[in-house]
Amino acid sequence: MNDQLTWIDQIINVTGWHRQPEDGTGWEQIEAEIDAALPSDFKELCRRFVPGSFYAYLHLLRSTGEHESRDLLQMWAYCRSESFARVYAPYGIYGPDKGSGLIQWGDDQVEGRYYWLGDRSVEPERWPVVAQKGGGDPWHRFDMSTTEFIYRIIADPEFEPFTVADRSRRAFYLPYGQTISSGEEWDALTNPNRGSRTP
């Protein structure tokens, strides 16, 4: 088993998520438009988890905008607008004719944004993650897979400044359409003694 699948298994284990995988279609169109393959661990994670959010916090961009999720290709096209160029300095947004650049793959509830530093001359599995806590905040580069980065956000309390992990709480995954409407529901979802049942 390769490292990426191991991280996916760890994400499944820490969240207690056990549902049938999605069909995983739609990435071919995005990769054709971007003119680059995307990291396979990210695509597999999207296939294994229906649209939703980790810890009701971290959202992944998807191959389609169905089920309230946001479309990765639309976000990439939006970010490429020249009026936003300075926002992405010093990296810039990825373009097939530009060498390396950022491709956004996720965001969070407090304006954090998560990207790959895409480069067609580098295998997608080796693309680093570049992240920013909020607009204007410093950039952070992580030479790790996307799934390791996600695991560390939700399960590693020392993964500063991006962690939401709490040693006394269990991570969970919340599908779109489901809500947390009370402190009791939050406590039940994050209960470290919660079984493997999904929310």
Protein backbone atom coordinates (compact mmCIF):
# COMPACT_ATOMS: atom_id res chain seq x y z
CA MET A 1 0.00 0.00 0.00
CA ASN A 2 1.39 3.42 -0.90
CA ASP A 3 1.73 6.34 1.54
CA GLN A 4 -1.23 8.28 0.11
CA LEU A 5 -3.65 5.41 0.66
CA THR A 6 -2.26 4.94 4.14
CA TRP A 7 -3.11 8.57 4.96
CA ILE A 8 -6.62 8.11 3.55
CA ASP A 9 -7.06 5.06 5.77
CA GLN A 10 -5.91 7.12 8.76
CA ILE A 11 -8.40 9.87 7.90
CA ILE A 12 -11.18 7.27 7.70
CA ASN A 13 -10.06 5.79 11.01
CA VAL A 14 -9.87 9.10 12.89
CA THR A 15 -13.26 10.32 11.60
CA GLY A 16 -15.05 6.98 11.85
CA TRP A 17 -16.34 7.47 8.30
CA HIS A 18 -17.69 4.31 6.66
CA ARG A 19 -19.91 4.87 3.66
CA GLN A 20 -19.93 3.64 0.10
CA PRO A 21 -17.46 5.55 -2.12
CA GLU A 22 -18.70 7.88 -4.85
CA ASP A 23 -17.99 7.05 -8.51
CA GLY A 24 -15.07 9.49 -8.74
CA THR A 25 -15.94 10.86 -12.18
CA GLY A 26 -15.41 14.34 -13.55
CA TRP A 27 -11.68 14.77 -12.98
CA GLU A 28 -10.77 14.12 -16.62
CA GLN A 29 -12.44 17.36 -17.77
CA ILE A 30 -10.68 19.39 -15.08
CA GLU A 31 -7.28 17.85 -15.86
CA ALA A 32 -7.79 18.49 -19.58
CA GLU A 33 -8.69 22.13 -18.93
CA ILE A 34 -5.83 22.72 -16.51
CA ASP A 35 -3.53 20.64 -18.74
CA ALA A 36 -2.11 18.70 -15.79
CA ALA A 37 -2.97 15.59 -13.81
CA LEU A 38 -4.02 16.23 -10.21
CA PRO A 39 -2.73 14.29 -7.18
CA SER A 40 -4.32 10.84 -7.10
CA ASP A 41 -4.62 10.77 -3.30
CA PHE A 42 -6.83 13.87 -3.39
CA LYS A 43 -9.07 12.39 -6.09
CA GLU A 44 -9.34 9.15 -4.13
CA LEU A 45 -10.18 11.02 -0.92
CA CYS A 46 -12.98 12.87 -2.76
CA ARG A 47 -14.24 9.52 -4.04
CA ARG A 48 -14.24 7.98 -0.56
CA PHE A 49 -16.00 10.93 1.15
CA VAL A 50 -19.27 12.37 -0.14
CA PRO A 51 -19.31 16.19 -0.40
CA GLY A 52 -19.15 17.72 3.07
CA SER A 53 -16.53 18.98 5.50
CA PHE A 54 -13.97 17.60 7.92
CA TYR A 55 -14.74 18.70 11.48
CA ALA A 56 -17.47 20.96 9.97
CA TYR A 57 -14.47 23.14 9.08
CA LEU A 58 -12.36 22.01 6.11
CA HIS A 59 -14.02 21.85 2.68
CA LEU A 60 -12.54 20.20 -0.43
CA LEU A 61 -13.12 21.56 -3.92
CA ARG A 62 -14.71 18.88 -6.09
CA SER A 63 -14.86 17.79 -9.71
CA THR A 64 -18.43 19.14 -9.90
CA GLY A 65 -20.41 21.69 -7.93
CA GLU A 66 -23.11 19.21 -6.91
CA HIS A 67 -24.47 18.75 -3.38
CA GLU A 68 -23.57 22.31 -2.28
CA SER A 69 -19.86 21.69 -2.98
CA ARG A 70 -17.70 24.07 -4.96
CA ASP A 71 -16.14 23.18 -8.27
CA LEU A 72 -12.32 23.07 -8.45
CA LEU A 73 -12.25 24.11 -12.11
CA GLN A 74 -14.50 27.13 -11.54
CA MET A 75 -12.35 28.22 -8.60
CA TRP A 76 -9.18 27.88 -10.69
CA ALA A 77 -10.72 30.01 -13.47
CA TYR A 78 -11.83 32.61 -10.91
CA CYS A 79 -8.38 32.78 -9.29
CA ARG A 80 -6.72 33.30 -12.68
CA SER A 81 -8.32 36.74 -13.03
CA GLU A 82 -5.54 39.29 -13.49
CA SER A 83 -7.10 41.55 -10.85
CA PHE A 84 -6.17 38.96 -8.20
CA ALA A 85 -2.54 38.49 -9.27
CA ARG A 86 -0.99 40.31 -6.29
CA VAL A 87 -3.01 38.20 -3.84
CA TYR A 88 -1.06 35.10 -4.90
CA ALA A 89 2.44 36.62 -4.89
CA PRO A 90 5.09 35.32 -4.93
CA TYR A 91 3.62 32.10 -6.40
CA GLY A 92 1.01 33.15 -8.91
CA ILE A 93 -1.82 30.95 -10.15
CA TYR A 94 -0.94 27.86 -12.18
CA GLY A 95 -1.36 28.03 -15.92
CA PRO A 96 -0.26 25.50 -18.54
CA ASP A 97 2.05 28.11 -20.07
CA LYS A 98 3.48 29.43 -16.78
CA GLY A 99 5.49 26.62 -15.22
CA SER A 100 4.63 26.30 -11.54
CA GLY A 101 1.75 28.04 -9.77
CA LEU A 102 -1.05 27.59 -7.28
CA ILE A 103 -4.13 25.43 -7.78
CA GLN A 104 -6.66 25.74 -4.95
CA TRP A 105 -8.05 22.44 -3.62
CA GLY A 106 -9.76 23.52 -0.39
CA ASP A 107 -10.70 26.17 2.13
CA ASP A 108 -11.99 26.42 5.66
CA GLN A 109 -14.49 28.25 7.85
CA VAL A 110 -12.06 30.98 8.91
CA GLU A 111 -10.76 32.08 5.49
CA GLY A 112 -7.92 29.57 5.31
CA ARG A 113 -7.05 28.57 1.75
CA TYR A 114 -5.22 25.46 0.59
CA TYR A 115 -3.37 24.97 -2.69
CA TRP A 116 -1.00 22.73 -4.54
CA LEU A 117 2.11 24.29 -6.03
CA GLY A 118 1.36 22.66 -9.37
CA ASP A 119 4.07 22.05 -11.93
CA ARG A 120 3.73 19.85 -15.02
CA SER A 121 7.41 18.92 -14.80
CA VAL A 122 6.85 17.34 -11.36
CA GLU A 123 4.72 14.27 -10.58
CA PRO A 124 1.44 15.49 -9.01
CA GLU A 125 2.02 13.25 -5.97
CA ARG A 126 5.13 15.32 -5.23
CA TRP A 127 3.43 18.71 -5.46
CA PRO A 128 3.81 20.56 -2.14
CA VAL A 129 0.85 21.99 -0.29
CA VAL A 130 0.90 25.78 0.08
CA ALA A 131 -1.51 27.22 2.64
CA GLN A 132 -2.55 30.56 4.06
CA LYS A 133 -4.60 31.13 7.23
CA GLY A 134 -6.30 34.20 5.78
CA GLY A 135 -5.92 36.83 3.11
CA GLY A 136 -2.68 38.73 3.62
CA ASP A 137 -1.29 36.19 6.12
CA PRO A 138 2.09 34.55 5.47
CA TRP A 139 2.26 31.57 3.13
CA HIS A 140 3.27 28.17 4.53
CA ARG A 141 4.73 25.43 2.35
CA PHE A 142 4.49 21.75 3.29
CA ASP A 143 6.39 19.07 1.40
CA MET A 144 3.84 16.35 2.09
CA SER A 145 0.89 14.74 0.34
CA THR A 146 -2.50 16.41 0.40
CA THR A 147 -3.98 13.61 2.47
CA GLU A 148 -1.20 13.81 5.07
CA PHE A 149 -1.82 17.55 5.32
CA ILE A 150 -5.58 17.00 5.82
CA TYR A 151 -4.94 14.31 8.41
CA ARG A 152 -2.66 16.63 10.35
CA ILE A 153 -5.22 19.47 10.30
CA ILE A 154 -7.91 17.30 11.87
CA ALA A 155 -5.84 14.92 14.03
CA ASP A 156 -2.50 16.48 15.01
CA PRO A 157 -2.86 19.12 17.78
CA GLU A 158 0.73 20.26 17.19
CA PHE A 159 0.27 21.03 13.48
CA GLU A 160 0.36 24.79 13.98
CA PRO A 161 -0.95 27.12 12.74
CA PHE A 162 -3.50 25.01 10.84
CA THR A 163 -4.67 22.36 13.28
CA VAL A 164 -8.21 22.12 14.61
CA ALA A 165 -7.41 18.89 16.46
CA ASP A 166 -8.18 18.64 20.16
CA ARG A 167 -6.74 15.82 22.24
CA SER A 168 -10.00 15.54 24.18
CA ARG A 169 -12.21 15.41 21.05
CA ARG A 170 -12.60 13.08 18.09
CA ALA A 171 -12.56 14.36 14.51
CA PHE A 172 -15.61 13.72 12.33
CA TYR A 173 -16.92 14.26 8.81
CA LEU A 174 -20.17 16.13 8.20
CA PRO A 175 -21.89 15.56 4.82
CA TYR A 176 -23.50 18.60 3.20
CA GLY A 177 -27.15 18.87 4.14
CA GLN A 178 -26.52 17.74 7.71
CA THR A 179 -26.17 20.36 10.40
CA ILE A 180 -25.06 20.67 14.00
CA SER A 181 -27.76 22.61 15.79
CA SER A 182 -26.78 22.28 19.43
CA GLY A 183 -23.86 21.89 21.81
CA GLU A 184 -25.13 18.43 22.63
CA GLU A 185 -24.87 17.36 18.98
CA TRP A 186 -21.33 18.78 18.79
CA ASP A 187 -20.39 16.91 21.98
CA ALA A 188 -21.82 13.67 20.58
CA LEU A 189 -19.94 14.01 17.28
CA THR A 190 -16.64 14.86 18.94
CA ASN A 191 -16.96 12.37 21.80
CA PRO A 192 -13.68 10.41 21.86
CA ASN A 193 -15.67 7.31 22.86
CA ARG A 194 -17.98 7.60 19.85
CA GLY A 195 -18.08 4.38 17.88
CA SER A 196 -17.34 4.03 14.19
CA ARG A 197 -20.77 5.25 13.18
CA THR A 198 -20.96 8.20 10.84
CA PRO A 199 -22.96 11.31 11.78
